[in-house]
């Protein structure tokens, strides 16, 4: 710590100028600190203004990528299902062809049958026979089971609907 003696005029002048210089330096330091903090605030606000839209754009891009992947998965699932259905159809076709070949082979070798040389088509102009009438007591539907009754709220709705439809008809 420096002690300033007021008796010595040279020292007092020096101390006065030293005090002024300290005040000026303090003011300068305060101005410098203020300008640095103001500059830091501006940098922070600028960085924030640049970062927020960037974060938003990244989220939109991520959501877009997720949606595209979901659509691609759905298309692949549809394609897989179509291919599986095609496989089942081909398996059934192969199985029926194998059966037909086996039947034809058995018919020709074991039974001695030959393919027909001449085919004929016959048309019948007679009506189809009427279905046989079965008595009602033998059918699964019997008259012992009464028809289900309407619920109370169904009849209320019917009444309300009919009431308003009558009013509209009478107004026309």
N, C-alpha and C. Protein backbone atom coordinates (compact mmCIF):
# COMPACT_ATOMS: atom_id res chain seq x y z
N UNK A 1 0.83 -1.16 0.00
CA UNK A 1 0.00 0.00 0.00
C UNK A 1 0.88 1.24 0.00
N UNK A 2 0.52 2.19 -0.79
CA UNK A 2 1.31 3.42 -0.90
C UNK A 2 0.60 4.51 -0.12
N UNK A 3 1.41 5.19 0.68
CA UNK A 3 0.85 6.31 1.45
C UNK A 3 1.28 7.60 0.78
N UNK A 4 0.33 8.48 0.57
CA UNK A 4 0.62 9.75 -0.08
C UNK A 4 0.65 10.83 0.99
N UNK A 5 1.71 11.57 0.97
CA UNK A 5 1.89 12.65 1.96
C UNK A 5 1.38 13.94 1.35
N UNK A 6 0.45 14.60 2.01
CA UNK A 6 -0.15 15.81 1.50
C UNK A 6 0.75 17.03 1.71
N UNK A 7 1.75 16.97 2.58
CA UNK A 7 2.58 18.12 2.88
C UNK A 7 3.47 18.46 1.71
N UNK A 8 4.00 17.51 1.08
CA UNK A 8 4.91 17.76 -0.02
C UNK A 8 4.07 18.11 -1.24
N UNK A 9 4.31 19.29 -1.78
CA UNK A 9 3.49 19.76 -2.88
C UNK A 9 3.73 18.94 -4.14
N UNK A 10 4.96 18.55 -4.34
CA UNK A 10 5.26 17.75 -5.52
C UNK A 10 4.58 16.39 -5.41
N UNK A 11 4.62 15.86 -4.21
CA UNK A 11 3.98 14.57 -4.00
C UNK A 11 2.47 14.71 -4.12
N UNK A 12 1.97 15.84 -3.61
CA UNK A 12 0.52 16.01 -3.68
C UNK A 12 0.07 16.21 -5.11
N UNK A 13 0.90 16.91 -5.91
CA UNK A 13 0.55 17.08 -7.32
C UNK A 13 0.59 15.72 -8.02
N UNK A 14 1.67 14.99 -7.68
CA UNK A 14 1.78 13.65 -8.28
C UNK A 14 0.62 12.76 -7.84
N UNK A 15 0.28 12.91 -6.57
CA UNK A 15 -0.82 12.07 -6.08
C UNK A 15 -2.14 12.48 -6.69
N UNK A 16 -2.30 13.77 -6.94
CA UNK A 16 -3.53 14.24 -7.57
C UNK A 16 -3.61 13.72 -9.00
N UNK A 17 -2.48 13.84 -9.69
CA UNK A 17 -2.49 13.34 -11.07
C UNK A 17 -2.62 11.81 -11.08
N UNK A 18 -2.00 11.20 -10.05
CA UNK A 18 -2.12 9.75 -9.96
C UNK A 18 -3.57 9.34 -9.71
N UNK A 19 -4.26 10.10 -8.86
CA UNK A 19 -5.67 9.83 -8.57
C UNK A 19 -6.53 10.01 -9.80
N UNK A 20 -6.22 11.07 -10.59
CA UNK A 20 -6.98 11.29 -11.82
C UNK A 20 -6.72 10.17 -12.81
N UNK A 21 -5.44 9.79 -12.88
CA UNK A 21 -5.13 8.71 -13.81
C UNK A 21 -5.81 7.41 -13.37
N UNK A 22 -5.89 7.19 -12.07
CA UNK A 22 -6.58 6.01 -11.57
C UNK A 22 -8.06 6.07 -11.92
N UNK A 23 -8.64 7.26 -11.77
CA UNK A 23 -10.05 7.42 -12.13
C UNK A 23 -10.24 7.19 -13.62
N UNK A 24 -9.34 7.76 -14.41
CA UNK A 24 -9.43 7.59 -15.86
C UNK A 24 -9.26 6.11 -16.23
N UNK A 25 -8.27 5.47 -15.59
CA UNK A 25 -8.08 4.05 -15.86
C UNK A 25 -9.29 3.24 -15.42
N UNK A 26 -9.85 3.60 -14.28
CA UNK A 26 -11.05 2.91 -13.81
C UNK A 26 -12.21 3.11 -14.75
N UNK A 27 -12.35 4.34 -15.24
CA UNK A 27 -13.41 4.62 -16.21
C UNK A 27 -13.14 3.84 -17.49
N UNK A 28 -11.87 3.85 -17.92
CA UNK A 28 -11.51 3.11 -19.12
C UNK A 28 -11.77 1.62 -18.92
N UNK A 29 -11.36 1.12 -17.74
CA UNK A 29 -11.57 -0.29 -17.45
C UNK A 29 -13.06 -0.61 -17.42
N UNK A 30 -13.85 0.28 -16.83
CA UNK A 30 -15.29 0.07 -16.77
C UNK A 30 -15.89 0.11 -18.16
N UNK A 31 -15.43 1.09 -19.00
CA UNK A 31 -15.93 1.17 -20.37
C UNK A 31 -15.52 -0.07 -21.15
N UNK A 32 -14.27 -0.50 -20.94
CA UNK A 32 -13.78 -1.68 -21.63
C UNK A 32 -14.56 -2.92 -21.20
N UNK A 33 -14.83 -3.05 -19.90
CA UNK A 33 -15.60 -4.18 -19.40
C UNK A 33 -17.02 -4.13 -19.95
N UNK A 34 -17.60 -2.94 -20.00
CA UNK A 34 -18.95 -2.78 -20.53
C UNK A 34 -18.98 -3.14 -22.01
N UNK A 35 -18.00 -2.66 -22.76
CA UNK A 35 -17.98 -2.96 -24.19
C UNK A 35 -17.71 -4.44 -24.44
N UNK A 36 -16.89 -5.07 -23.61
CA UNK A 36 -16.63 -6.51 -23.74
C UNK A 36 -17.89 -7.30 -23.42
N UNK A 37 -18.58 -6.92 -22.35
CA UNK A 37 -19.80 -7.65 -21.99
C UNK A 37 -20.88 -7.41 -23.04
N UNK A 38 -20.95 -6.20 -23.59
CA UNK A 38 -21.92 -5.92 -24.65
C UNK A 38 -21.59 -6.73 -25.89
N UNK A 39 -20.30 -6.83 -26.21
CA UNK A 39 -19.87 -7.61 -27.36
C UNK A 39 -20.17 -9.10 -27.13
N UNK A 40 -19.96 -9.60 -25.92
CA UNK A 40 -20.26 -11.00 -25.61
C UNK A 40 -21.75 -11.27 -25.74
N UNK A 41 -22.57 -10.32 -25.29
CA UNK A 41 -24.02 -10.47 -25.42
C UNK A 41 -24.41 -10.52 -26.89
N UNK A 42 -23.82 -9.65 -27.70
CA UNK A 42 -24.14 -9.64 -29.13
C UNK A 42 -23.72 -10.95 -29.79
N UNK A 43 -22.55 -11.44 -29.42
CA UNK A 43 -22.09 -12.72 -29.97
C UNK A 43 -23.02 -13.84 -29.55
N UNK A 44 -23.43 -13.84 -28.30
CA UNK A 44 -24.34 -14.87 -27.80
C UNK A 44 -25.69 -14.81 -28.52
N UNK A 45 -26.23 -13.60 -28.68
CA UNK A 45 -27.52 -13.46 -29.37
C UNK A 45 -27.40 -13.88 -30.83
N UNK A 46 -26.30 -13.51 -31.48
CA UNK A 46 -26.08 -13.90 -32.87
C UNK A 46 -25.96 -15.42 -32.99
N UNK A 47 -25.20 -16.02 -32.09
CA UNK A 47 -25.06 -17.48 -32.11
C UNK A 47 -26.40 -18.15 -31.85
N UNK A 48 -27.19 -17.59 -30.96
CA UNK A 48 -28.50 -18.14 -30.65
C UNK A 48 -29.43 -18.01 -31.86
N UNK A 49 -29.39 -16.86 -32.53
CA UNK A 49 -30.22 -16.65 -33.71
C UNK A 49 -29.81 -17.57 -34.86
N UNK A 50 -28.57 -17.95 -34.92
CA UNK A 50 -28.12 -18.90 -35.94
C UNK A 50 -28.40 -20.34 -35.54
N UNK A 51 -28.31 -20.64 -34.26
CA UNK A 51 -28.46 -22.02 -33.79
C UNK A 51 -29.92 -22.47 -33.79
N UNK A 52 -30.84 -21.60 -33.41
CA UNK A 52 -32.24 -22.02 -33.32
C UNK A 52 -32.82 -22.46 -34.67
N UNK A 53 -32.66 -21.68 -35.75
CA UNK A 53 -33.16 -22.18 -37.04
C UNK A 53 -32.44 -23.45 -37.49
N UNK A 54 -31.15 -23.54 -37.19
CA UNK A 54 -30.40 -24.73 -37.55
C UNK A 54 -30.96 -25.96 -36.84
N UNK A 55 -31.26 -25.81 -35.57
CA UNK A 55 -31.85 -26.92 -34.80
C UNK A 55 -33.21 -27.29 -35.38
N UNK A 56 -34.02 -26.27 -35.72
CA UNK A 56 -35.33 -26.53 -36.31
C UNK A 56 -35.23 -27.25 -37.64
N UNK A 57 -34.30 -26.82 -38.48
CA UNK A 57 -34.11 -27.46 -39.78
C UNK A 57 -33.66 -28.90 -39.59
N UNK A 58 -32.77 -29.14 -38.65
CA UNK A 58 -32.31 -30.51 -38.40
C UNK A 58 -33.45 -31.39 -37.92
N UNK A 59 -34.33 -30.86 -37.09
CA UNK A 59 -35.48 -31.65 -36.63
C UNK A 59 -36.41 -31.97 -37.79
N UNK A 60 -36.66 -30.99 -38.67
CA UNK A 60 -37.52 -31.24 -39.83
C UNK A 60 -36.89 -32.28 -40.74
N UNK A 61 -35.59 -32.18 -40.96
CA UNK A 61 -34.91 -33.17 -41.81
C UNK A 61 -34.96 -34.56 -41.19
N UNK A 62 -34.81 -34.63 -39.89
CA UNK A 62 -34.86 -35.92 -39.21
C UNK A 62 -36.26 -36.52 -39.32
N UNK A 63 -37.29 -35.70 -39.13
CA UNK A 63 -38.66 -36.18 -39.25
C UNK A 63 -38.96 -36.60 -40.69
N UNK A 64 -38.46 -35.84 -41.65
CA UNK A 64 -38.64 -36.18 -43.05
C UNK A 64 -37.98 -37.52 -43.37
N UNK A 65 -36.78 -37.72 -42.88
CA UNK A 65 -36.08 -38.99 -43.10
C UNK A 65 -36.83 -40.15 -42.47
N UNK A 66 -37.37 -39.92 -41.28
CA UNK A 66 -38.14 -40.95 -40.60
C UNK A 66 -39.39 -41.31 -41.40
N UNK A 67 -40.07 -40.30 -41.94
CA UNK A 67 -41.27 -40.56 -42.75
C UNK A 67 -40.91 -41.32 -44.02
N UNK A 68 -39.82 -40.94 -44.67
CA UNK A 68 -39.39 -41.65 -45.88
C UNK A 68 -39.04 -43.10 -45.57
N UNK A 69 -38.37 -43.33 -44.47
CA UNK A 69 -38.04 -44.71 -44.08
C UNK A 69 -39.31 -45.50 -43.80
N UNK A 70 -40.29 -44.87 -43.15
CA UNK A 70 -41.56 -45.55 -42.89
C UNK A 70 -42.27 -45.93 -44.17
N UNK A 71 -42.29 -45.01 -45.15
CA UNK A 71 -42.92 -45.31 -46.44
C UNK A 71 -42.17 -46.44 -47.15
N UNK A 72 -40.86 -46.41 -47.09
CA UNK A 72 -40.08 -47.46 -47.74
C UNK A 72 -40.36 -48.82 -47.10
N UNK A 73 -40.47 -48.84 -45.78
CA UNK A 73 -40.79 -50.09 -45.08
C UNK A 73 -42.17 -50.59 -45.49
N UNK A 74 -43.15 -49.67 -45.56
CA UNK A 74 -44.51 -50.07 -45.96
C UNK A 74 -44.51 -50.63 -47.38
N UNK A 75 -43.78 -50.00 -48.29
CA UNK A 75 -43.71 -50.50 -49.66
C UNK A 75 -43.04 -51.88 -49.70
N UNK A 76 -42.01 -52.07 -48.93
CA UNK A 76 -41.35 -53.38 -48.89
C UNK A 76 -42.27 -54.45 -48.31
N UNK A 77 -43.06 -54.08 -47.31
CA UNK A 77 -44.01 -55.04 -46.73
C UNK A 77 -45.06 -55.42 -47.76
N UNK A 78 -45.58 -54.42 -48.51
CA UNK A 78 -46.57 -54.71 -49.56
C UNK A 78 -45.96 -55.61 -50.63
N UNK A 79 -44.73 -55.31 -51.01
CA UNK A 79 -44.06 -56.12 -52.03
C UNK A 79 -43.84 -57.54 -51.53
N UNK A 80 -43.44 -57.69 -50.26
CA UNK A 80 -43.24 -59.02 -49.69
C UNK A 80 -44.55 -59.80 -49.67
N UNK A 81 -45.65 -59.14 -49.27
CA UNK A 81 -46.95 -59.82 -49.23
C UNK A 81 -47.38 -60.25 -50.63
N UNK A 82 -47.15 -59.38 -51.63
CA UNK A 82 -47.51 -59.74 -53.00
C UNK A 82 -46.67 -60.93 -53.48
N UNK A 83 -45.39 -60.92 -53.15
CA UNK A 83 -44.53 -62.04 -53.55
C UNK A 83 -44.92 -63.33 -52.84
N UNK A 84 -45.28 -63.23 -51.56
CA UNK A 84 -45.73 -64.43 -50.84
C UNK A 84 -47.02 -64.98 -51.43
N UNK A 85 -47.95 -64.09 -51.82
CA UNK A 85 -49.19 -64.54 -52.46
C UNK A 85 -48.88 -65.20 -53.80
N UNK A 86 -47.95 -64.63 -54.54
CA UNK A 86 -47.54 -65.22 -55.82
C UNK A 86 -46.91 -66.59 -55.60
N UNK A 87 -46.11 -66.72 -54.56
CA UNK A 87 -45.48 -68.01 -54.24
C UNK A 87 -46.56 -69.05 -53.93
N UNK A 88 -47.56 -68.66 -53.12
CA UNK A 88 -48.64 -69.61 -52.79
C UNK A 88 -49.41 -70.03 -54.04
N UNK A 89 -49.66 -69.08 -54.93
CA UNK A 89 -50.37 -69.40 -56.17
C UNK A 89 -49.55 -70.37 -57.03
N UNK A 90 -48.26 -70.12 -57.13
CA UNK A 90 -47.40 -71.01 -57.91
C UNK A 90 -47.31 -72.39 -57.27
N UNK A 91 -47.24 -72.45 -55.94
CA UNK A 91 -47.21 -73.75 -55.27
C UNK A 91 -48.49 -74.53 -55.54
N UNK A 92 -49.63 -73.85 -55.48
CA UNK A 92 -50.91 -74.53 -55.76
C UNK A 92 -50.97 -75.00 -57.20
N UNK A 93 -50.47 -74.18 -58.12
CA UNK A 93 -50.45 -74.57 -59.53
C UNK A 93 -49.56 -75.78 -59.75
N UNK A 94 -48.40 -75.77 -59.14
CA UNK A 94 -47.49 -76.92 -59.27
C UNK A 94 -48.11 -78.17 -58.67
N UNK A 95 -48.73 -78.02 -57.51
CA UNK A 95 -49.35 -79.18 -56.87
C UNK A 95 -50.47 -79.75 -57.73
N UNK A 96 -51.29 -78.89 -58.33
CA UNK A 96 -52.38 -79.40 -59.17
C UNK A 96 -51.83 -80.05 -60.44
N UNK A 97 -50.76 -79.48 -61.00
CA UNK A 97 -50.16 -80.09 -62.19
C UNK A 97 -49.55 -81.45 -61.86
N UNK A 98 -48.92 -81.57 -60.72
CA UNK A 98 -48.34 -82.85 -60.31
C UNK A 98 -49.45 -83.87 -60.13
N UNK A 99 -50.55 -83.45 -59.50
CA UNK A 99 -51.67 -84.38 -59.31
C UNK A 99 -52.25 -84.82 -60.65
N UNK A 100 -52.42 -83.87 -61.56
CA UNK A 100 -52.97 -84.23 -62.87
C UNK A 100 -52.05 -85.20 -63.61
N UNK A 101 -50.75 -84.97 -63.52
CA UNK A 101 -49.80 -85.89 -64.17
C UNK A 101 -49.87 -87.28 -63.55
N UNK A 102 -49.95 -87.31 -62.22
CA UNK A 102 -50.03 -88.62 -61.55
C UNK A 102 -51.32 -89.33 -61.91
N UNK A 103 -52.43 -88.61 -61.95
CA UNK A 103 -53.72 -89.22 -62.30
C UNK A 103 -53.68 -89.74 -63.74
N UNK A 104 -53.13 -88.92 -64.65
CA UNK A 104 -53.06 -89.35 -66.05
C UNK A 104 -52.15 -90.58 -66.18
N UNK A 105 -51.04 -90.59 -65.46
CA UNK A 105 -50.12 -91.73 -65.53
C UNK A 105 -50.79 -92.99 -64.97
N UNK A 106 -51.48 -92.88 -63.85
CA UNK A 106 -52.17 -94.04 -63.27
C UNK A 106 -53.26 -94.55 -64.21
N UNK A 107 -53.99 -93.60 -64.83
CA UNK A 107 -55.08 -94.00 -65.73
C UNK A 107 -54.55 -94.74 -66.95
N UNK A 108 -53.45 -94.28 -67.49
CA UNK A 108 -52.94 -94.93 -68.71
C UNK A 108 -52.19 -96.23 -68.40
N UNK A 109 -51.41 -96.26 -67.32
CA UNK A 109 -50.60 -97.45 -67.07
C UNK A 109 -51.39 -98.53 -66.34
N UNK A 110 -52.00 -98.18 -65.24
CA UNK A 110 -52.65 -99.19 -64.42
C UNK A 110 -54.02 -99.59 -64.94
N UNK A 111 -54.79 -98.60 -65.41
CA UNK A 111 -56.16 -98.90 -65.85
C UNK A 111 -56.26 -99.11 -67.35
N UNK A 112 -55.23 -98.77 -68.10
CA UNK A 112 -55.25 -99.01 -69.54
C UNK A 112 -56.13 -98.02 -70.30
N UNK A 113 -56.37 -96.87 -69.76
CA UNK A 113 -57.20 -95.87 -70.44
C UNK A 113 -56.37 -95.14 -71.48
N UNK A 114 -57.07 -94.60 -72.49
CA UNK A 114 -56.43 -93.81 -73.54
C UNK A 114 -57.13 -92.46 -73.62
N UNK A 115 -56.45 -91.44 -74.09
CA UNK A 115 -57.12 -90.14 -74.25
C UNK A 115 -58.22 -90.22 -75.30
N UNK A 116 -59.25 -89.43 -75.12
CA UNK A 116 -60.39 -89.43 -76.05
C UNK A 116 -59.95 -88.86 -77.40
N UNK A 117 -60.46 -89.53 -78.47
CA UNK A 117 -60.12 -89.07 -79.82
C UNK A 117 -61.11 -88.01 -80.29
N UNK A 118 -62.35 -88.19 -79.89
CA UNK A 118 -63.38 -87.27 -80.36
C UNK A 118 -64.16 -86.79 -79.14
N UNK A 119 -64.33 -85.47 -79.03
CA UNK A 119 -65.10 -84.93 -77.91
C UNK A 119 -66.41 -84.39 -78.42
N UNK A 120 -67.43 -84.50 -77.58
CA UNK A 120 -68.76 -84.01 -77.94
C UNK A 120 -69.28 -83.09 -76.84
N UNK A 121 -70.02 -82.07 -77.25
CA UNK A 121 -70.66 -81.18 -76.30
C UNK A 121 -72.16 -81.35 -76.45
N UNK A 122 -72.83 -81.50 -75.32
CA UNK A 122 -74.28 -81.69 -75.32
C UNK A 122 -74.89 -80.55 -74.51
N UNK A 123 -75.90 -79.90 -75.09
CA UNK A 123 -76.61 -78.85 -74.34
C UNK A 123 -77.95 -79.41 -73.90
N UNK A 124 -78.35 -79.05 -72.70
CA UNK A 124 -79.61 -79.53 -72.14
C UNK A 124 -80.54 -78.33 -72.00
N UNK A 125 -81.75 -78.44 -72.58
CA UNK A 125 -82.70 -77.35 -72.55
C UNK A 125 -83.77 -77.54 -71.49
N UNK A 126 -83.52 -78.32 -70.53
CA UNK A 126 -84.50 -78.59 -69.48
C UNK A 126 -84.24 -77.68 -68.29
N UNK A 127 -85.33 -77.29 -67.60
CA UNK A 127 -85.19 -76.46 -66.42
C UNK A 127 -84.61 -77.27 -65.27
N UNK A 128 -83.97 -76.56 -64.39
CA UNK A 128 -83.39 -77.21 -63.22
C UNK A 128 -84.52 -77.68 -62.31
N UNK A 129 -84.31 -78.79 -61.66
CA UNK A 129 -85.33 -79.33 -60.77
C UNK A 129 -85.54 -78.38 -59.59
N UNK A 130 -86.79 -78.31 -59.13
CA UNK A 130 -87.12 -77.44 -58.00
C UNK A 130 -86.48 -78.01 -56.74
N UNK A 131 -86.02 -77.13 -55.86
CA UNK A 131 -85.42 -77.64 -54.63
C UNK A 131 -86.46 -78.34 -53.76
N UNK A 132 -86.02 -79.30 -53.02
CA UNK A 132 -86.92 -80.07 -52.16
C UNK A 132 -87.32 -79.21 -50.98
N UNK A 133 -88.63 -79.16 -50.75
CA UNK A 133 -89.16 -78.37 -49.64
C UNK A 133 -89.08 -79.21 -48.36
N UNK A 134 -88.39 -78.68 -47.37
CA UNK A 134 -88.26 -79.36 -46.09
C UNK A 134 -89.24 -78.71 -45.13
N UNK A 135 -89.97 -79.50 -44.37
CA UNK A 135 -90.89 -78.90 -43.41
C UNK A 135 -90.14 -77.99 -42.43
N UNK A 136 -90.81 -76.94 -42.01
CA UNK A 136 -90.20 -75.92 -41.16
C UNK A 136 -89.73 -76.50 -39.83
N UNK A 137 -90.42 -77.52 -39.34
CA UNK A 137 -90.03 -78.08 -38.04
C UNK A 137 -88.67 -78.77 -38.08
N UNK A 138 -88.20 -79.15 -39.30
CA UNK A 138 -86.90 -79.81 -39.42
C UNK A 138 -85.75 -78.84 -39.70
N UNK A 139 -86.06 -77.62 -39.94
CA UNK A 139 -85.00 -76.65 -40.22
C UNK A 139 -84.45 -76.10 -38.91
N UNK A 140 -83.32 -75.45 -39.00
CA UNK A 140 -82.68 -74.92 -37.79
C UNK A 140 -83.45 -73.73 -37.24
N UNK A 141 -84.16 -73.01 -38.11
CA UNK A 141 -84.96 -71.89 -37.63
C UNK A 141 -86.33 -72.42 -37.23
N UNK A 142 -86.65 -72.31 -36.00
CA UNK A 142 -87.97 -72.76 -35.55
C UNK A 142 -88.78 -71.57 -35.09
N UNK A 143 -90.07 -71.75 -35.02
CA UNK A 143 -90.96 -70.66 -34.62
C UNK A 143 -90.98 -70.50 -33.10
N UNK A 144 -90.28 -71.39 -32.37
CA UNK A 144 -90.25 -71.27 -30.91
C UNK A 144 -89.47 -70.03 -30.47
N UNK A 145 -88.51 -69.63 -31.27
CA UNK A 145 -87.71 -68.45 -30.92
C UNK A 145 -88.42 -67.20 -31.42
N UNK A 146 -88.91 -66.36 -30.53
CA UNK A 146 -89.57 -65.14 -30.99
C UNK A 146 -88.54 -64.15 -31.53
N UNK A 147 -89.03 -63.24 -32.35
CA UNK A 147 -88.15 -62.21 -32.88
C UNK A 147 -87.68 -61.30 -31.75
N UNK A 148 -86.49 -60.80 -31.82
CA UNK A 148 -86.00 -59.93 -30.74
C UNK A 148 -86.81 -58.64 -30.69
N UNK A 149 -87.13 -58.22 -29.48
CA UNK A 149 -87.90 -57.00 -29.27
C UNK A 149 -86.98 -55.79 -29.37
N UNK A 150 -87.59 -54.67 -29.77
CA UNK A 150 -86.82 -53.44 -29.83
C UNK A 150 -86.53 -52.95 -28.43
N UNK A 151 -85.39 -52.35 -28.28
CA UNK A 151 -85.05 -51.73 -27.01
C UNK A 151 -85.87 -50.46 -26.86
N UNK A 152 -86.01 -49.98 -25.62
CA UNK A 152 -86.84 -48.80 -25.36
C UNK A 152 -86.28 -47.56 -26.05
N UNK A 153 -84.96 -47.49 -26.13
CA UNK A 153 -84.37 -46.30 -26.74
C UNK A 153 -84.49 -46.31 -28.26
N UNK A 154 -84.57 -47.53 -28.86
CA UNK A 154 -84.78 -47.61 -30.30
C UNK A 154 -86.17 -47.11 -30.67
N UNK A 155 -87.17 -47.49 -29.87
CA UNK A 155 -88.52 -47.01 -30.15
C UNK A 155 -88.61 -45.51 -29.94
N UNK A 156 -87.89 -44.97 -28.95
CA UNK A 156 -87.87 -43.53 -28.71
C UNK A 156 -87.24 -42.80 -29.90
N UNK A 157 -86.15 -43.34 -30.42
CA UNK A 157 -85.51 -42.74 -31.59
C UNK A 157 -86.42 -42.80 -32.81
N UNK A 158 -87.10 -43.94 -33.01
CA UNK A 158 -88.04 -44.06 -34.12
C UNK A 158 -89.15 -43.02 -34.00
N UNK A 159 -89.70 -42.87 -32.80
CA UNK A 159 -90.76 -41.90 -32.57
C UNK A 159 -90.27 -40.48 -32.87
N UNK A 160 -89.08 -40.16 -32.39
CA UNK A 160 -88.53 -38.81 -32.59
C UNK A 160 -88.27 -38.56 -34.07
N UNK A 161 -87.69 -39.53 -34.74
CA UNK A 161 -87.40 -39.36 -36.16
C UNK A 161 -88.69 -39.21 -36.95
N UNK A 162 -89.68 -40.05 -36.67
CA UNK A 162 -90.96 -39.96 -37.38
C UNK A 162 -91.66 -38.65 -37.08
N UNK A 163 -91.58 -38.16 -35.85
CA UNK A 163 -92.22 -36.90 -35.48
C UNK A 163 -91.63 -35.75 -36.28
N UNK A 164 -90.30 -35.70 -36.36
CA UNK A 164 -89.66 -34.60 -37.08
C UNK A 164 -89.84 -34.73 -38.59
N UNK A 165 -89.87 -35.93 -39.11
CA UNK A 165 -90.06 -36.09 -40.55
C UNK A 165 -91.49 -35.70 -40.93
N UNK A 166 -92.48 -35.97 -40.06
CA UNK A 166 -93.86 -35.54 -40.33
C UNK A 166 -93.96 -34.02 -40.32
N UNK A 167 -93.27 -33.37 -39.38
CA UNK A 167 -93.31 -31.91 -39.30
C UNK A 167 -92.68 -31.28 -40.54
N UNK A 168 -91.62 -31.86 -41.04
CA UNK A 168 -90.97 -31.33 -42.23
C UNK A 168 -91.85 -31.52 -43.45
N UNK A 169 -92.54 -32.66 -43.54
CA UNK A 169 -93.43 -32.91 -44.67
C UNK A 169 -94.62 -31.96 -44.65
N UNK A 170 -95.14 -31.67 -43.46
CA UNK A 170 -96.30 -30.78 -43.36
C UNK A 170 -95.91 -29.34 -43.68
N UNK A 171 -94.67 -28.95 -43.41
CA UNK A 171 -94.23 -27.58 -43.70
C UNK A 171 -94.00 -27.38 -45.19
N UNK A 172 -93.72 -28.42 -45.89
CA UNK A 172 -93.47 -28.29 -47.34
C UNK A 172 -94.79 -28.24 -48.02
